[in-house]
């Protein structure tokens, strides 16, 4: 899976369309809200369902707007008759999968299809600056993800930074670790599709710094 960098405020749900299927990333423990944007018309011979993966049914809406929630979803899911949307509460990792809005009766119709990925919040990061010589503007910058043996080390001067080494022992982590220089401050950002952590360090005032983005890398390209 290609990881997507997020800037700005922390998000708890993120949606994108990939190859025609709507991908939704949701923060573990939050509520998932799925809409049906295409029109749905029911008659006496048709019913509307929300289906999870291929065989599990979450809820049903009949022609007369009667709503039924199936085993395992009573108390943790809501299906709304006026717009056919689904809310799944307090999502867990085993809620990741394919959610399909289905109209049955005759030829099956699918007015909405989603792939849902539940993610944990990213770990905090620790940013350290070490002077490599008496010239305080030549620094070694190391950004480390707390609780994971993952780090990237850069050599920085007053103008830019270049990658020295990286330790990526967790190869399946879907998140981005980015370091950059702006004015007199070094930033380390760790993000996935639903959360964002950062650490900053201010360079010493005698360094004549210029804004510029450090060469950056993403995990799981």
N, C-alpha and C. Protein backbone atom coordinates (compact mmCIF):
# COMPACT_ATOMS: atom_id res chain seq x y z
N UNK A 1 0.85 -1.20 0.00
CA UNK A 1 0.00 0.00 0.00
C UNK A 1 0.88 1.24 0.00
N UNK A 2 0.59 2.17 -0.86
CA UNK A 2 1.35 3.41 -0.91
C UNK A 2 0.87 4.34 0.20
N UNK A 3 1.82 4.88 0.96
CA UNK A 3 1.47 5.72 2.08
C UNK A 3 1.34 7.17 1.65
N UNK A 4 0.41 7.88 2.24
CA UNK A 4 0.08 9.24 1.85
C UNK A 4 0.45 10.20 2.97
N UNK A 5 1.20 11.22 2.65
CA UNK A 5 1.61 12.21 3.65
C UNK A 5 0.47 13.17 3.94
N UNK A 6 0.24 13.42 5.22
CA UNK A 6 -0.77 14.40 5.65
C UNK A 6 -0.09 15.62 6.24
N UNK A 7 -0.55 16.80 5.87
CA UNK A 7 -0.11 18.05 6.48
C UNK A 7 -1.31 18.70 7.16
N UNK A 8 -1.06 19.48 8.21
CA UNK A 8 -2.13 20.22 8.86
C UNK A 8 -2.64 19.49 10.07
N UNK A 9 -3.92 19.71 10.38
CA UNK A 9 -4.50 19.19 11.60
C UNK A 9 -4.62 17.67 11.55
N UNK A 10 -4.67 17.07 12.74
CA UNK A 10 -4.85 15.63 12.83
C UNK A 10 -6.26 15.27 12.36
N UNK A 11 -6.35 14.22 11.55
CA UNK A 11 -7.63 13.76 11.05
C UNK A 11 -7.96 12.43 11.68
N UNK A 12 -9.24 12.13 11.90
CA UNK A 12 -9.59 10.81 12.39
C UNK A 12 -10.23 9.96 11.31
N UNK A 13 -10.60 10.54 10.18
CA UNK A 13 -11.08 9.74 9.07
C UNK A 13 -10.66 10.41 7.78
N UNK A 14 -10.16 9.61 6.85
CA UNK A 14 -9.65 10.14 5.59
C UNK A 14 -10.17 9.26 4.46
N UNK A 15 -10.57 9.87 3.36
CA UNK A 15 -11.15 9.11 2.26
C UNK A 15 -10.48 9.49 0.95
N UNK A 16 -10.26 8.48 0.10
CA UNK A 16 -9.72 8.72 -1.23
C UNK A 16 -10.24 7.64 -2.16
N UNK A 17 -10.24 7.94 -3.44
CA UNK A 17 -10.73 6.97 -4.42
C UNK A 17 -9.55 6.40 -5.17
N UNK A 18 -9.39 5.08 -5.11
CA UNK A 18 -8.29 4.39 -5.75
C UNK A 18 -8.87 3.30 -6.65
N UNK A 19 -8.61 3.42 -7.96
CA UNK A 19 -9.07 2.43 -8.94
C UNK A 19 -10.58 2.20 -8.82
N UNK A 20 -11.33 3.28 -8.65
CA UNK A 20 -12.78 3.19 -8.65
C UNK A 20 -13.41 2.78 -7.35
N UNK A 21 -12.62 2.29 -6.41
CA UNK A 21 -13.13 1.88 -5.11
C UNK A 21 -12.79 2.94 -4.08
N UNK A 22 -13.77 3.37 -3.32
CA UNK A 22 -13.55 4.42 -2.32
C UNK A 22 -12.83 3.85 -1.11
N UNK A 23 -11.61 4.31 -0.86
CA UNK A 23 -10.85 3.87 0.31
C UNK A 23 -11.09 4.85 1.46
N UNK A 24 -11.39 4.32 2.62
CA UNK A 24 -11.63 5.13 3.81
C UNK A 24 -10.70 4.65 4.91
N UNK A 25 -9.89 5.56 5.44
CA UNK A 25 -9.01 5.27 6.57
C UNK A 25 -9.62 5.89 7.81
N UNK A 26 -9.73 5.10 8.87
CA UNK A 26 -10.38 5.58 10.08
C UNK A 26 -9.52 5.25 11.29
N UNK A 27 -9.49 6.17 12.25
CA UNK A 27 -8.69 5.99 13.45
C UNK A 27 -9.33 4.95 14.37
N UNK A 28 -8.51 4.04 14.87
CA UNK A 28 -8.97 2.98 15.76
C UNK A 28 -9.73 3.57 16.95
N UNK A 29 -10.94 3.05 17.19
CA UNK A 29 -11.76 3.50 18.30
C UNK A 29 -12.74 4.61 17.96
N UNK A 30 -12.62 5.19 16.77
CA UNK A 30 -13.55 6.23 16.33
C UNK A 30 -14.73 5.61 15.59
N UNK A 31 -15.70 6.45 15.19
CA UNK A 31 -16.87 5.98 14.44
C UNK A 31 -16.63 6.10 12.94
N UNK A 32 -17.10 5.13 12.22
CA UNK A 32 -17.02 5.10 10.76
C UNK A 32 -18.36 5.51 10.18
N UNK A 33 -18.35 6.45 9.21
CA UNK A 33 -19.57 6.93 8.57
C UNK A 33 -19.44 6.72 7.07
N UNK A 34 -20.31 5.89 6.50
CA UNK A 34 -20.31 5.60 5.07
C UNK A 34 -21.61 6.07 4.45
N UNK A 35 -21.51 6.85 3.37
CA UNK A 35 -22.69 7.39 2.69
C UNK A 35 -22.98 6.64 1.40
N UNK A 36 -24.20 6.77 0.94
CA UNK A 36 -24.62 6.28 -0.37
C UNK A 36 -24.95 7.50 -1.21
N UNK A 37 -24.11 7.78 -2.20
CA UNK A 37 -24.28 8.99 -2.99
C UNK A 37 -25.15 8.76 -4.23
N UNK A 38 -25.25 7.52 -4.69
CA UNK A 38 -26.10 7.23 -5.84
C UNK A 38 -27.55 7.04 -5.37
N UNK A 39 -28.53 7.32 -6.22
CA UNK A 39 -29.93 7.18 -5.81
C UNK A 39 -30.31 5.72 -5.56
N UNK A 40 -31.13 5.50 -4.55
CA UNK A 40 -31.64 4.16 -4.22
C UNK A 40 -33.16 4.20 -4.26
N UNK A 41 -33.75 3.34 -5.05
CA UNK A 41 -35.22 3.25 -5.15
C UNK A 41 -35.63 1.82 -4.84
N UNK A 42 -36.46 1.66 -3.79
CA UNK A 42 -36.93 0.34 -3.39
C UNK A 42 -38.40 0.17 -3.75
N UNK A 43 -38.76 -1.06 -4.04
CA UNK A 43 -40.18 -1.39 -4.19
C UNK A 43 -40.46 -2.64 -3.36
N UNK A 44 -41.65 -3.20 -3.54
CA UNK A 44 -42.05 -4.32 -2.69
C UNK A 44 -41.19 -5.56 -2.91
N UNK A 45 -40.48 -5.62 -4.02
CA UNK A 45 -39.66 -6.79 -4.32
C UNK A 45 -38.18 -6.58 -4.06
N UNK A 46 -37.81 -5.43 -3.53
CA UNK A 46 -36.39 -5.14 -3.33
C UNK A 46 -36.11 -4.76 -1.88
N UNK A 47 -34.90 -5.01 -1.46
CA UNK A 47 -34.40 -4.64 -0.13
C UNK A 47 -33.01 -4.05 -0.28
N UNK A 48 -32.63 -3.23 0.72
CA UNK A 48 -31.31 -2.61 0.75
C UNK A 48 -30.52 -3.22 1.90
N UNK A 49 -29.26 -3.56 1.64
CA UNK A 49 -28.38 -4.13 2.66
C UNK A 49 -27.05 -3.38 2.68
N UNK A 50 -26.44 -3.34 3.86
CA UNK A 50 -25.01 -3.06 3.97
C UNK A 50 -24.32 -4.38 4.23
N UNK A 51 -23.35 -4.73 3.38
CA UNK A 51 -22.65 -6.01 3.48
C UNK A 51 -21.17 -5.77 3.79
N UNK A 52 -20.64 -6.58 4.71
CA UNK A 52 -19.23 -6.53 5.07
C UNK A 52 -18.53 -7.72 4.45
N UNK A 53 -17.49 -7.44 3.67
CA UNK A 53 -16.80 -8.47 2.89
C UNK A 53 -17.83 -9.21 2.02
N UNK A 54 -17.76 -10.50 1.91
CA UNK A 54 -18.64 -11.17 0.94
C UNK A 54 -19.87 -11.82 1.54
N UNK A 55 -19.84 -12.15 2.83
CA UNK A 55 -20.95 -12.93 3.39
C UNK A 55 -21.57 -12.35 4.65
N UNK A 56 -20.96 -11.33 5.24
CA UNK A 56 -21.49 -10.78 6.50
C UNK A 56 -22.37 -9.57 6.22
N UNK A 57 -23.56 -9.57 6.80
CA UNK A 57 -24.50 -8.47 6.60
C UNK A 57 -24.62 -7.66 7.88
N UNK A 58 -24.52 -6.34 7.72
CA UNK A 58 -24.57 -5.42 8.86
C UNK A 58 -26.00 -5.05 9.17
N UNK A 59 -26.73 -4.56 8.17
CA UNK A 59 -28.10 -4.10 8.37
C UNK A 59 -28.91 -4.16 7.09
N UNK A 60 -30.22 -4.02 7.26
CA UNK A 60 -31.15 -4.13 6.14
C UNK A 60 -32.22 -3.05 6.26
N UNK A 61 -32.60 -2.48 5.12
CA UNK A 61 -33.73 -1.56 5.05
C UNK A 61 -34.71 -2.11 4.03
N UNK A 62 -35.95 -2.30 4.44
CA UNK A 62 -36.96 -2.84 3.54
C UNK A 62 -37.72 -1.72 2.84
N UNK A 63 -38.63 -2.11 1.96
CA UNK A 63 -39.41 -1.15 1.17
C UNK A 63 -40.19 -0.18 2.05
N UNK A 64 -40.68 -0.67 3.19
CA UNK A 64 -41.47 0.18 4.09
C UNK A 64 -40.60 0.91 5.12
N UNK A 65 -39.27 0.94 4.89
CA UNK A 65 -38.28 1.63 5.73
C UNK A 65 -38.06 0.94 7.08
N UNK A 66 -38.50 -0.30 7.21
CA UNK A 66 -38.17 -1.05 8.42
C UNK A 66 -36.68 -1.38 8.41
N UNK A 67 -36.02 -1.16 9.56
CA UNK A 67 -34.58 -1.35 9.66
C UNK A 67 -34.29 -2.54 10.57
N UNK A 68 -33.42 -3.42 10.10
CA UNK A 68 -32.99 -4.59 10.86
C UNK A 68 -31.47 -4.57 10.94
N UNK A 69 -30.91 -4.72 12.15
CA UNK A 69 -29.48 -4.89 12.34
C UNK A 69 -29.21 -6.36 12.67
N UNK A 70 -28.22 -6.92 12.02
CA UNK A 70 -27.95 -8.35 12.16
C UNK A 70 -27.03 -8.62 13.35
N UNK A 71 -26.92 -9.92 13.68
CA UNK A 71 -26.13 -10.35 14.84
C UNK A 71 -24.72 -9.80 14.76
N UNK A 72 -24.24 -9.32 15.89
CA UNK A 72 -22.90 -8.76 15.96
C UNK A 72 -22.85 -7.26 15.72
N UNK A 73 -23.96 -6.68 15.22
CA UNK A 73 -23.98 -5.25 14.93
C UNK A 73 -25.03 -4.48 15.71
N UNK A 74 -25.91 -5.18 16.40
CA UNK A 74 -26.89 -4.49 17.23
C UNK A 74 -26.17 -3.75 18.35
N UNK A 75 -26.47 -2.46 18.49
CA UNK A 75 -25.83 -1.66 19.53
C UNK A 75 -24.54 -1.00 19.10
N UNK A 76 -23.96 -1.44 17.99
CA UNK A 76 -22.70 -0.82 17.53
C UNK A 76 -22.78 -0.31 16.10
N UNK A 77 -23.95 -0.43 15.49
CA UNK A 77 -24.13 0.09 14.13
C UNK A 77 -25.49 0.76 14.02
N UNK A 78 -25.57 1.75 13.13
CA UNK A 78 -26.83 2.41 12.79
C UNK A 78 -26.94 2.49 11.28
N UNK A 79 -28.12 2.16 10.76
CA UNK A 79 -28.43 2.33 9.34
C UNK A 79 -29.63 3.27 9.26
N UNK A 80 -29.53 4.29 8.40
CA UNK A 80 -30.54 5.35 8.37
C UNK A 80 -31.40 5.24 7.12
N UNK A 81 -32.72 5.18 7.36
CA UNK A 81 -33.64 4.95 6.27
C UNK A 81 -33.78 6.11 5.31
N UNK A 82 -33.52 7.34 5.74
CA UNK A 82 -33.74 8.49 4.86
C UNK A 82 -32.65 8.65 3.82
N UNK A 83 -31.44 8.17 4.11
CA UNK A 83 -30.35 8.32 3.13
C UNK A 83 -29.50 7.06 2.97
N UNK A 84 -29.86 5.98 3.68
CA UNK A 84 -29.22 4.67 3.57
C UNK A 84 -27.77 4.66 4.06
N UNK A 85 -27.35 5.66 4.79
CA UNK A 85 -25.98 5.70 5.28
C UNK A 85 -25.78 4.73 6.44
N UNK A 86 -24.51 4.42 6.70
CA UNK A 86 -24.13 3.48 7.76
C UNK A 86 -23.17 4.17 8.71
N UNK A 87 -23.40 3.99 10.02
CA UNK A 87 -22.45 4.41 11.04
C UNK A 87 -22.07 3.19 11.86
N UNK A 88 -20.77 2.91 11.91
CA UNK A 88 -20.25 1.82 12.72
C UNK A 88 -19.42 2.44 13.84
N UNK A 89 -19.81 2.13 15.08
CA UNK A 89 -19.24 2.80 16.25
C UNK A 89 -18.00 2.06 16.77
N UNK A 90 -17.05 2.87 17.29
CA UNK A 90 -15.89 2.33 17.99
C UNK A 90 -15.20 1.23 17.18
N UNK A 91 -14.74 1.59 15.98
CA UNK A 91 -14.21 0.58 15.08
C UNK A 91 -12.94 -0.06 15.62
N UNK A 92 -12.80 -1.35 15.34
CA UNK A 92 -11.65 -2.14 15.74
C UNK A 92 -10.91 -2.60 14.47
N UNK A 93 -9.74 -3.16 14.66
CA UNK A 93 -8.95 -3.56 13.50
C UNK A 93 -9.65 -4.63 12.66
N UNK A 94 -10.42 -5.50 13.31
CA UNK A 94 -11.12 -6.53 12.53
C UNK A 94 -12.33 -5.98 11.78
N UNK A 95 -12.60 -4.67 11.91
CA UNK A 95 -13.62 -4.03 11.08
C UNK A 95 -13.06 -3.58 9.74
N UNK A 96 -11.75 -3.69 9.53
CA UNK A 96 -11.17 -3.38 8.23
C UNK A 96 -11.67 -4.37 7.19
N UNK A 97 -11.98 -3.86 6.01
CA UNK A 97 -12.45 -4.74 4.95
C UNK A 97 -13.33 -3.99 3.97
N UNK A 98 -14.07 -4.72 3.16
CA UNK A 98 -14.91 -4.15 2.11
C UNK A 98 -16.35 -4.01 2.60
N UNK A 99 -16.89 -2.81 2.44
CA UNK A 99 -18.29 -2.52 2.79
C UNK A 99 -19.03 -2.15 1.51
N UNK A 100 -20.14 -2.86 1.26
CA UNK A 100 -20.87 -2.66 0.01
C UNK A 100 -22.34 -2.41 0.31
N UNK A 101 -22.87 -1.33 -0.26
CA UNK A 101 -24.32 -1.10 -0.24
C UNK A 101 -24.94 -1.89 -1.37
N UNK A 102 -25.92 -2.73 -1.06
CA UNK A 102 -26.47 -3.67 -2.03
C UNK A 102 -27.98 -3.54 -2.08
N UNK A 103 -28.52 -3.45 -3.29
CA UNK A 103 -29.97 -3.51 -3.50
C UNK A 103 -30.26 -4.85 -4.16
N UNK A 104 -31.07 -5.70 -3.49
CA UNK A 104 -31.37 -7.03 -3.99
C UNK A 104 -32.79 -7.08 -4.54
N UNK A 105 -33.04 -8.11 -5.33
CA UNK A 105 -34.33 -8.27 -6.01
C UNK A 105 -34.11 -8.07 -7.49
N UNK A 106 -34.13 -9.18 -8.24
CA UNK A 106 -33.73 -9.06 -9.63
C UNK A 106 -32.21 -8.96 -9.71
N UNK A 107 -31.72 -8.11 -10.57
CA UNK A 107 -30.28 -7.92 -10.72
C UNK A 107 -29.73 -7.11 -9.55
N UNK A 108 -28.67 -7.62 -8.92
CA UNK A 108 -28.09 -6.93 -7.77
C UNK A 108 -27.46 -5.60 -8.19
N UNK A 109 -27.75 -4.56 -7.42
CA UNK A 109 -27.15 -3.24 -7.64
C UNK A 109 -26.25 -2.89 -6.46
N UNK A 110 -25.18 -2.16 -6.76
CA UNK A 110 -24.24 -1.74 -5.72
C UNK A 110 -24.04 -0.23 -5.79
N UNK A 111 -24.88 0.52 -5.12
CA UNK A 111 -24.77 1.99 -5.20
C UNK A 111 -23.59 2.59 -4.44
N UNK A 112 -22.91 1.81 -3.61
CA UNK A 112 -21.72 2.31 -2.90
C UNK A 112 -20.82 1.14 -2.54
N UNK A 113 -19.51 1.33 -2.72
CA UNK A 113 -18.52 0.32 -2.36
C UNK A 113 -17.32 1.00 -1.73
N UNK A 114 -16.91 0.50 -0.57
CA UNK A 114 -15.80 1.09 0.16
C UNK A 114 -14.82 0.01 0.62
N UNK A 115 -13.57 0.37 0.65
CA UNK A 115 -12.56 -0.43 1.34
C UNK A 115 -12.13 0.37 2.57
N UNK A 116 -12.35 -0.18 3.75
CA UNK A 116 -12.10 0.50 5.01
C UNK A 116 -10.83 -0.05 5.64
N UNK A 117 -9.94 0.85 6.03
CA UNK A 117 -8.70 0.48 6.72
C UNK A 117 -8.68 1.19 8.07
N UNK A 118 -8.65 0.43 9.14
CA UNK A 118 -8.58 0.98 10.50
C UNK A 118 -7.11 1.09 10.89
N UNK A 119 -6.69 2.28 11.31
CA UNK A 119 -5.30 2.51 11.66
C UNK A 119 -5.17 3.03 13.09
N UNK A 120 -4.06 2.68 13.73
CA UNK A 120 -3.72 3.24 15.03
C UNK A 120 -3.12 4.63 14.83
N UNK A 121 -3.18 5.48 15.87
CA UNK A 121 -2.44 6.75 15.78
C UNK A 121 -0.96 6.47 15.71
N UNK A 122 -0.23 7.34 14.99
CA UNK A 122 1.21 7.14 14.89
C UNK A 122 1.89 7.41 16.22
N UNK A 123 3.06 6.82 16.37
CA UNK A 123 3.86 7.03 17.58
C UNK A 123 4.51 8.41 17.56
N UNK A 124 4.78 8.98 18.72
CA UNK A 124 5.53 10.25 18.77
C UNK A 124 6.94 10.07 18.20
N UNK A 125 7.56 11.20 17.89
CA UNK A 125 8.92 11.18 17.36
C UNK A 125 9.85 11.97 18.28
N UNK A 126 11.11 11.60 18.25
CA UNK A 126 12.14 12.28 19.05
C UNK A 126 13.20 12.81 18.09
N UNK A 127 13.45 14.11 18.14
CA UNK A 127 14.40 14.77 17.26
C UNK A 127 15.60 15.23 18.08
N UNK A 128 16.80 14.83 17.66
CA UNK A 128 18.01 15.23 18.36
C UNK A 128 18.97 15.92 17.38
N UNK A 129 19.67 16.95 17.88
CA UNK A 129 20.67 17.68 17.10
C UNK A 129 22.01 17.54 17.81
N UNK A 130 23.03 17.16 17.06
CA UNK A 130 24.36 17.01 17.61
C UNK A 130 25.35 17.76 16.75
N UNK A 131 26.14 18.64 17.37
CA UNK A 131 27.13 19.38 16.62
C UNK A 131 28.32 18.48 16.31
N UNK A 132 28.71 18.44 15.04
CA UNK A 132 29.78 17.55 14.61
C UNK A 132 31.16 18.19 14.69
N UNK A 133 31.21 19.49 14.95
CA UNK A 133 32.51 20.17 15.04
C UNK A 133 32.32 21.46 15.81
N UNK A 134 33.38 22.24 15.89
CA UNK A 134 33.27 23.54 16.56
C UNK A 134 32.38 24.50 15.79
N UNK A 135 32.14 24.20 14.52
CA UNK A 135 31.22 25.00 13.71
C UNK A 135 29.80 24.54 14.03
N UNK A 136 29.09 25.32 14.82
CA UNK A 136 27.78 24.89 15.32
C UNK A 136 26.75 24.79 14.22
N UNK A 137 27.07 25.26 13.01
CA UNK A 137 26.10 25.18 11.92
C UNK A 137 26.20 23.86 11.16
N UNK A 138 27.17 23.00 11.50
CA UNK A 138 27.26 21.67 10.93
C UNK A 138 26.75 20.68 11.97
N UNK A 139 25.57 20.14 11.72
CA UNK A 139 24.87 19.33 12.72
C UNK A 139 24.50 17.97 12.17
N UNK A 140 24.44 17.01 13.08
CA UNK A 140 23.85 15.71 12.77
C UNK A 140 22.44 15.70 13.37
N UNK A 141 21.45 15.47 12.53
CA UNK A 141 20.05 15.49 12.94
C UNK A 141 19.50 14.08 12.85
N UNK A 142 18.98 13.57 13.97
CA UNK A 142 18.41 12.23 13.98
C UNK A 142 16.95 12.31 14.42
N UNK A 143 16.08 11.74 13.61
CA UNK A 143 14.65 11.67 13.93
C UNK A 143 14.29 10.21 14.16
N UNK A 144 13.78 9.91 15.36
CA UNK A 144 13.50 8.53 15.76
C UNK A 144 12.03 8.40 16.15
N UNK A 145 11.41 7.33 15.70
CA UNK A 145 10.03 7.04 16.10
C UNK A 145 10.05 6.33 17.44
N UNK A 146 9.42 6.91 18.43
CA UNK A 146 9.37 6.34 19.77
C UNK A 146 8.66 4.99 19.71
N UNK A 147 9.19 4.01 20.46
CA UNK A 147 8.64 2.65 20.57
C UNK A 147 8.89 1.79 19.34
N UNK A 148 9.50 2.33 18.29
CA UNK A 148 9.85 1.53 17.12
C UNK A 148 11.32 1.78 16.79
N UNK A 149 11.99 0.74 16.34
CA UNK A 149 13.41 0.87 16.00
C UNK A 149 13.53 1.41 14.58
N UNK A 150 13.05 2.64 14.41
CA UNK A 150 13.06 3.30 13.10
C UNK A 150 13.62 4.70 13.26
N UNK A 151 14.60 5.05 12.45
CA UNK A 151 15.18 6.38 12.54
C UNK A 151 15.78 6.77 11.21
N UNK A 152 15.95 8.09 11.02
CA UNK A 152 16.67 8.63 9.87
C UNK A 152 17.61 9.71 10.38
N UNK A 153 18.85 9.68 9.88
CA UNK A 153 19.87 10.62 10.32
C UNK A 153 20.35 11.45 9.14
N UNK A 154 20.42 12.77 9.35
CA UNK A 154 20.80 13.72 8.31
C UNK A 154 21.99 14.54 8.77
N UNK A 155 22.83 14.98 7.83
CA UNK A 155 23.86 15.96 8.08
C UNK A 155 23.35 17.30 7.55
N UNK A 156 23.30 18.29 8.42
CA UNK A 156 22.70 19.58 8.07
C UNK A 156 23.72 20.71 8.23
N UNK A 157 23.68 21.64 7.29
CA UNK A 157 24.40 22.89 7.47
C UNK A 157 23.38 24.02 7.50
N UNK A 158 23.79 25.24 7.28
CA UNK A 158 22.87 26.37 7.40
C UNK A 158 21.88 26.45 6.26
N UNK A 159 22.08 25.62 5.21
CA UNK A 159 21.25 25.77 4.01
C UNK A 159 20.38 24.55 3.71
N UNK A 160 20.90 23.36 3.95
CA UNK A 160 20.11 22.17 3.62
C UNK A 160 20.62 20.98 4.42
N UNK A 161 19.98 19.84 4.21
CA UNK A 161 20.34 18.60 4.89
C UNK A 161 20.37 17.46 3.88
N UNK A 162 21.24 16.49 4.13
CA UNK A 162 21.31 15.32 3.27
C UNK A 162 21.30 14.07 4.14
N UNK A 163 20.71 13.00 3.60
CA UNK A 163 20.53 11.76 4.36
C UNK A 163 21.87 11.06 4.57
N UNK A 164 22.16 10.69 5.83
CA UNK A 164 23.36 9.92 6.14
C UNK A 164 23.06 8.43 6.23
N UNK A 165 22.05 8.08 7.02
CA UNK A 165 21.70 6.68 7.17
C UNK A 165 20.26 6.57 7.66
N UNK A 166 19.70 5.37 7.50
CA UNK A 166 18.35 5.13 8.01
C UNK A 166 18.25 3.72 8.53
N UNK A 167 17.43 3.56 9.54
CA UNK A 167 17.17 2.26 10.14
C UNK A 167 15.68 2.02 10.04
N UNK A 168 15.28 1.11 9.16
CA UNK A 168 13.86 0.83 8.91
C UNK A 168 13.59 -0.63 9.19
N UNK A 169 13.67 -1.02 10.47
CA UNK A 169 13.53 -2.43 10.81
C UNK A 169 12.11 -2.93 10.65
N UNK A 170 11.13 -2.02 10.74
CA UNK A 170 9.73 -2.41 10.55
C UNK A 170 9.33 -2.06 9.14
N UNK A 171 9.35 -3.03 8.25
CA UNK A 171 9.18 -2.75 6.83
C UNK A 171 7.73 -2.63 6.41
N UNK A 172 6.80 -3.10 7.25
CA UNK A 172 5.39 -3.06 6.85
C UNK A 172 4.64 -1.88 7.43
N UNK A 173 5.35 -0.91 8.02
CA UNK A 173 4.70 0.23 8.63
C UNK A 173 4.21 1.19 7.55
N UNK A 174 2.95 1.48 7.56
CA UNK A 174 2.39 2.38 6.55
C UNK A 174 2.30 3.78 7.15
N UNK A 175 3.40 4.49 7.12
CA UNK A 175 3.43 5.86 7.60
C UNK A 175 4.63 6.55 6.97
N UNK A 176 4.68 7.88 7.14
CA UNK A 176 5.76 8.68 6.57
C UNK A 176 6.57 9.33 7.66
N UNK A 177 7.88 9.29 7.51
CA UNK A 177 8.80 9.96 8.43
C UNK A 177 9.59 10.98 7.61
N UNK A 178 9.35 12.27 7.89
CA UNK A 178 9.87 13.34 7.05
C UNK A 178 10.62 14.36 7.90
N UNK A 179 11.77 14.77 7.44
CA UNK A 179 12.56 15.81 8.11
C UNK A 179 12.78 16.95 7.13
N UNK A 180 12.62 18.18 7.62
CA UNK A 180 12.89 19.33 6.75
C UNK A 180 13.31 20.54 7.58
N UNK A 181 13.94 21.50 6.88
CA UNK A 181 14.47 22.71 7.48
C UNK A 181 13.67 23.90 7.01
N UNK A 182 13.20 24.73 7.95
CA UNK A 182 12.45 25.93 7.61
C UNK A 182 12.91 27.07 8.51
N UNK A 183 13.42 28.14 7.88
CA UNK A 183 14.01 29.24 8.64
C UNK A 183 15.09 28.68 9.56
N UNK A 184 14.96 28.88 10.87
CA UNK A 184 15.98 28.40 11.79
C UNK A 184 15.52 27.16 12.57
N UNK A 185 14.55 26.43 12.04
CA UNK A 185 13.95 25.32 12.77
C UNK A 185 13.99 24.04 11.94
N UNK A 186 14.37 22.93 12.58
CA UNK A 186 14.32 21.60 11.97
C UNK A 186 13.04 20.91 12.44
N UNK A 187 12.31 20.35 11.51
CA UNK A 187 11.05 19.66 11.81
C UNK A 187 11.20 18.17 11.50
N UNK A 188 10.61 17.36 12.35
CA UNK A 188 10.46 15.93 12.07
C UNK A 188 8.98 15.59 12.19
N UNK A 189 8.40 15.11 11.11
CA UNK A 189 6.98 14.77 11.08
C UNK A 189 6.80 13.27 10.87
N UNK A 190 5.93 12.66 11.65
CA UNK A 190 5.55 11.26 11.49
C UNK A 190 4.03 11.22 11.30
N UNK A 191 3.58 10.65 10.19
CA UNK A 191 2.14 10.69 9.89
C UNK A 191 1.69 9.42 9.18
N UNK A 192 0.42 9.11 9.36
CA UNK A 192 -0.26 8.18 8.47
C UNK A 192 -1.53 8.87 7.99
N UNK A 193 -2.49 8.11 7.45
CA UNK A 193 -3.65 8.75 6.85
C UNK A 193 -4.63 9.34 7.86
N UNK A 194 -4.46 9.04 9.15
CA UNK A 194 -5.45 9.51 10.14
C UNK A 194 -4.84 10.26 11.32
N UNK A 195 -3.52 10.34 11.40
CA UNK A 195 -2.93 11.03 12.55
C UNK A 195 -1.56 11.59 12.18
N UNK A 196 -1.05 12.46 13.05
CA UNK A 196 0.16 13.21 12.76
C UNK A 196 0.85 13.62 14.06
N UNK A 197 2.17 13.37 14.14
CA UNK A 197 2.98 13.80 15.28
C UNK A 197 4.20 14.54 14.74
N UNK A 198 4.70 15.51 15.51
CA UNK A 198 5.89 16.22 15.07
C UNK A 198 6.77 16.57 16.26
N UNK A 199 8.05 16.81 15.96
CA UNK A 199 9.01 17.32 16.92
C UNK A 199 9.85 18.38 16.22
N UNK A 200 10.20 19.43 16.93
CA UNK A 200 10.96 20.53 16.33
C UNK A 200 12.15 20.90 17.22
N UNK A 201 13.20 21.39 16.57
CA UNK A 201 14.36 21.92 17.27
C UNK A 201 14.79 23.21 16.57
N UNK A 202 15.12 24.24 17.35
CA UNK A 202 15.58 25.51 16.80
C UNK A 202 17.10 25.50 16.73
N UNK A 203 17.65 25.84 15.56
CA UNK A 203 19.09 25.93 15.41
C UNK A 203 19.62 27.14 16.17
N UNK A 204 20.89 27.12 16.48
CA UNK A 204 21.48 28.24 17.21
C UNK A 204 21.43 29.51 16.37
N UNK A 205 21.27 30.63 17.03
CA UNK A 205 21.00 31.89 16.34
C UNK A 205 22.14 32.31 15.43
N UNK A 206 23.39 31.87 15.69
CA UNK A 206 24.49 32.32 14.85
C UNK A 206 24.50 31.63 13.48
N UNK A 207 23.67 30.62 13.29
CA UNK A 207 23.60 29.97 11.98
C UNK A 207 22.76 30.82 11.03
N UNK A 208 23.30 31.12 9.90
CA UNK A 208 22.59 31.91 8.89
C UNK A 208 21.78 30.96 8.04
N UNK A 209 20.58 30.57 8.55
CA UNK A 209 19.78 29.54 7.88
C UNK A 209 18.91 30.13 6.80
N UNK A 210 18.57 29.27 5.86
CA UNK A 210 17.63 29.62 4.80
C UNK A 210 16.57 28.53 4.72
N UNK A 211 15.35 28.94 4.39
CA UNK A 211 14.27 27.95 4.28
C UNK A 211 14.57 26.99 3.15
N UNK A 212 14.26 25.74 3.37
CA UNK A 212 14.46 24.75 2.32
C UNK A 212 14.03 23.40 2.80
N UNK A 213 13.48 22.61 1.93
CA UNK A 213 13.00 21.30 2.32
C UNK A 213 14.12 20.28 2.19
N UNK A 214 14.29 19.48 3.21
CA UNK A 214 15.28 18.43 3.19
C UNK A 214 14.81 17.31 2.27
N UNK A 215 15.76 16.64 1.65
CA UNK A 215 15.41 15.47 0.86
C UNK A 215 14.69 14.48 1.76
N UNK A 216 13.52 14.03 1.36
CA UNK A 216 12.72 13.20 2.24
C UNK A 216 12.35 11.89 1.58
N UNK A 217 11.94 10.94 2.39
CA UNK A 217 11.65 9.61 1.92
C UNK A 217 10.36 9.14 2.58
N UNK A 218 9.70 8.19 1.92
CA UNK A 218 8.50 7.59 2.50
C UNK A 218 8.73 6.10 2.68
N UNK A 219 8.10 5.54 3.70
CA UNK A 219 8.10 4.09 3.84
C UNK A 219 7.09 3.50 2.87
N UNK A 220 7.34 2.26 2.46
CA UNK A 220 6.41 1.50 1.60
C UNK A 220 6.10 2.23 0.31
N UNK A 221 7.06 2.76 -0.39
CA UNK A 221 6.81 3.39 -1.70
C UNK A 221 6.42 2.31 -2.69
